[in-house]
């Protein structure tokens, strides 16, 4: 089992993990560069969660930011 959460400073590793998926599952919307281009607009930190177990892989890019209006 492997679990990682990467941020934009880990772009090379993020791209390497994405490159391990078959081509039909590699899309521009999963690339760190896509998230970097929206970073200022979203006012958020681009991140990517990666999980692998028993040959099953999962990669989920997302923006990490504070939810306004809640004191969590």
C-alpha atoms as a PDB file:
ATOM      1  CA  UNK A   1       0.000   0.000   0.000  1.00  0.00           C
ATOM      2  CA  UNK A   2       1.221   3.480  -0.846  1.00  0.00           C
ATOM      3  CA  UNK A   3      -0.437   6.808  -0.071  1.00  0.00           C
ATOM      4  CA  UNK A   4       0.976  10.254  -0.887  1.00  0.00           C
ATOM      5  CA  UNK A   5      -0.295  13.791  -0.991  1.00  0.00           C
ATOM      6  CA  UNK A   6       1.815  15.960  -3.275  1.00  0.00           C
ATOM      7  CA  UNK A   7       1.802  19.712  -3.744  1.00  0.00           C
ATOM      8  CA  UNK A   8       2.895  21.866  -6.664  1.00  0.00           C
ATOM      9  CA  UNK A   9       6.545  21.740  -5.568  1.00  0.00           C
ATOM     10  CA  UNK A  10       6.389  17.973  -6.221  1.00  0.00           C
ATOM     11  CA  UNK A  11       5.400  18.501  -9.887  1.00  0.00           C
ATOM     12  CA  UNK A  12       8.000  16.083 -11.274  1.00  0.00           C
ATOM     13  CA  UNK A  13       6.818  13.257  -9.042  1.00  0.00           C
ATOM     14  CA  UNK A  14       3.171  14.158  -9.754  1.00  0.00           C
ATOM     15  CA  UNK A  15       3.830  13.918 -13.514  1.00  0.00           C
ATOM     16  CA  UNK A  16       5.754  10.651 -13.054  1.00  0.00           C
ATOM     17  CA  UNK A  17       2.842   9.073 -11.166  1.00  0.00           C
ATOM     18  CA  UNK A  18       0.370  10.248 -13.810  1.00  0.00           C
ATOM     19  CA  UNK A  19       2.652   8.838 -16.516  1.00  0.00           C
ATOM     20  CA  UNK A  20       2.245   5.392 -14.956  1.00  0.00           C
ATOM     21  CA  UNK A  21      -1.416   5.298 -16.000  1.00  0.00           C
ATOM     22  CA  UNK A  22      -2.525   4.075 -19.451  1.00  0.00           C
ATOM     23  CA  UNK A  23      -2.753   6.870 -22.047  1.00  0.00           C
ATOM     24  CA  UNK A  24      -6.589   6.939 -22.142  1.00  0.00           C
ATOM     25  CA  UNK A  25      -6.514   7.941 -18.452  1.00  0.00           C
ATOM     26  CA  UNK A  26      -3.888  10.681 -18.822  1.00  0.00           C
ATOM     27  CA  UNK A  27      -5.661  13.972 -19.352  1.00  0.00           C
ATOM     28  CA  UNK A  28      -4.564  17.611 -19.247  1.00  0.00           C
ATOM     29  CA  UNK A  29      -6.899  18.159 -16.282  1.00  0.00           C
ATOM     30  CA  UNK A  30      -4.707  15.873 -14.141  1.00  0.00           C
ATOM     31  CA  UNK A  31      -1.417  17.694 -14.857  1.00  0.00           C
ATOM     32  CA  UNK A  32       0.208  19.924 -12.228  1.00  0.00           C
ATOM     33  CA  UNK A  33       0.670  22.636 -14.877  1.00  0.00           C
ATOM     34  CA  UNK A  34      -3.085  22.859 -15.351  1.00  0.00           C
ATOM     35  CA  UNK A  35      -3.568  23.381 -11.621  1.00  0.00           C
ATOM     36  CA  UNK A  36      -0.668  25.852 -11.494  1.00  0.00           C
ATOM     37  CA  UNK A  37      -2.388  27.945 -14.187  1.00  0.00           C
ATOM     38  CA  UNK A  38      -5.486  28.245 -11.971  1.00  0.00           C
ATOM     39  CA  UNK A  39      -3.635  28.658  -8.659  1.00  0.00           C
ATOM     40  CA  UNK A  40      -3.907  32.459  -8.504  1.00  0.00           C
ATOM     41  CA  UNK A  41      -7.530  32.524  -9.685  1.00  0.00           C
ATOM     42  CA  UNK A  42      -8.602  29.898  -7.140  1.00  0.00           C
ATOM     43  CA  UNK A  43      -6.409  31.392  -4.393  1.00  0.00           C
ATOM     44  CA  UNK A  44      -5.583  27.840  -3.383  1.00  0.00           C
ATOM     45  CA  UNK A  45      -2.739  25.340  -3.219  1.00  0.00           C
ATOM     46  CA  UNK A  46      -2.717  22.683  -5.960  1.00  0.00           C
ATOM     47  CA  UNK A  47      -2.370  19.195  -4.489  1.00  0.00           C
ATOM     48  CA  UNK A  48      -2.623  15.632  -5.677  1.00  0.00           C
ATOM     49  CA  UNK A  49      -3.528  12.512  -3.702  1.00  0.00           C
ATOM     50  CA  UNK A  50      -2.106   9.200  -4.889  1.00  0.00           C
ATOM     51  CA  UNK A  51      -3.051   5.780  -3.555  1.00  0.00           C
ATOM     52  CA  UNK A  52      -1.983   2.327  -4.721  1.00  0.00           C
ATOM     53  CA  UNK A  53      -2.814  -1.093  -3.343  1.00  0.00           C
ATOM     54  CA  UNK A  54      -2.695  -4.538  -4.956  1.00  0.00           C
ATOM     55  CA  UNK A  55      -2.013  -3.054  -8.399  1.00  0.00           C
ATOM     56  CA  UNK A  56      -4.984  -0.670  -8.225  1.00  0.00           C
ATOM     57  CA  UNK A  57      -3.953   2.967  -8.580  1.00  0.00           C
ATOM     58  CA  UNK A  58      -5.845   6.156  -7.790  1.00  0.00           C
ATOM     59  CA  UNK A  59      -4.764   9.729  -8.546  1.00  0.00           C
ATOM     60  CA  UNK A  60      -6.889  12.713  -7.543  1.00  0.00           C
ATOM     61  CA  UNK A  61      -5.729  16.316  -8.123  1.00  0.00           C
ATOM     62  CA  UNK A  62      -7.490  19.045  -6.142  1.00  0.00           C
ATOM     63  CA  UNK A  63      -7.165  22.557  -4.729  1.00  0.00           C
ATOM     64  CA  UNK A  64      -6.591  22.950  -1.027  1.00  0.00           C
ATOM     65  CA  UNK A  65      -8.081  26.124   0.396  1.00  0.00           C
ATOM     66  CA  UNK A  66      -9.920  27.451   3.382  1.00  0.00           C
ATOM     67  CA  UNK A  67     -13.694  27.228   3.340  1.00  0.00           C
ATOM     68  CA  UNK A  68     -14.935  30.721   4.055  1.00  0.00           C
ATOM     69  CA  UNK A  69     -17.753  31.236   6.492  1.00  0.00           C
ATOM     70  CA  UNK A  70     -16.816  28.327   8.781  1.00  0.00           C
ATOM     71  CA  UNK A  71     -14.643  28.328  11.865  1.00  0.00           C
ATOM     72  CA  UNK A  72     -13.276  24.813  11.644  1.00  0.00           C
END
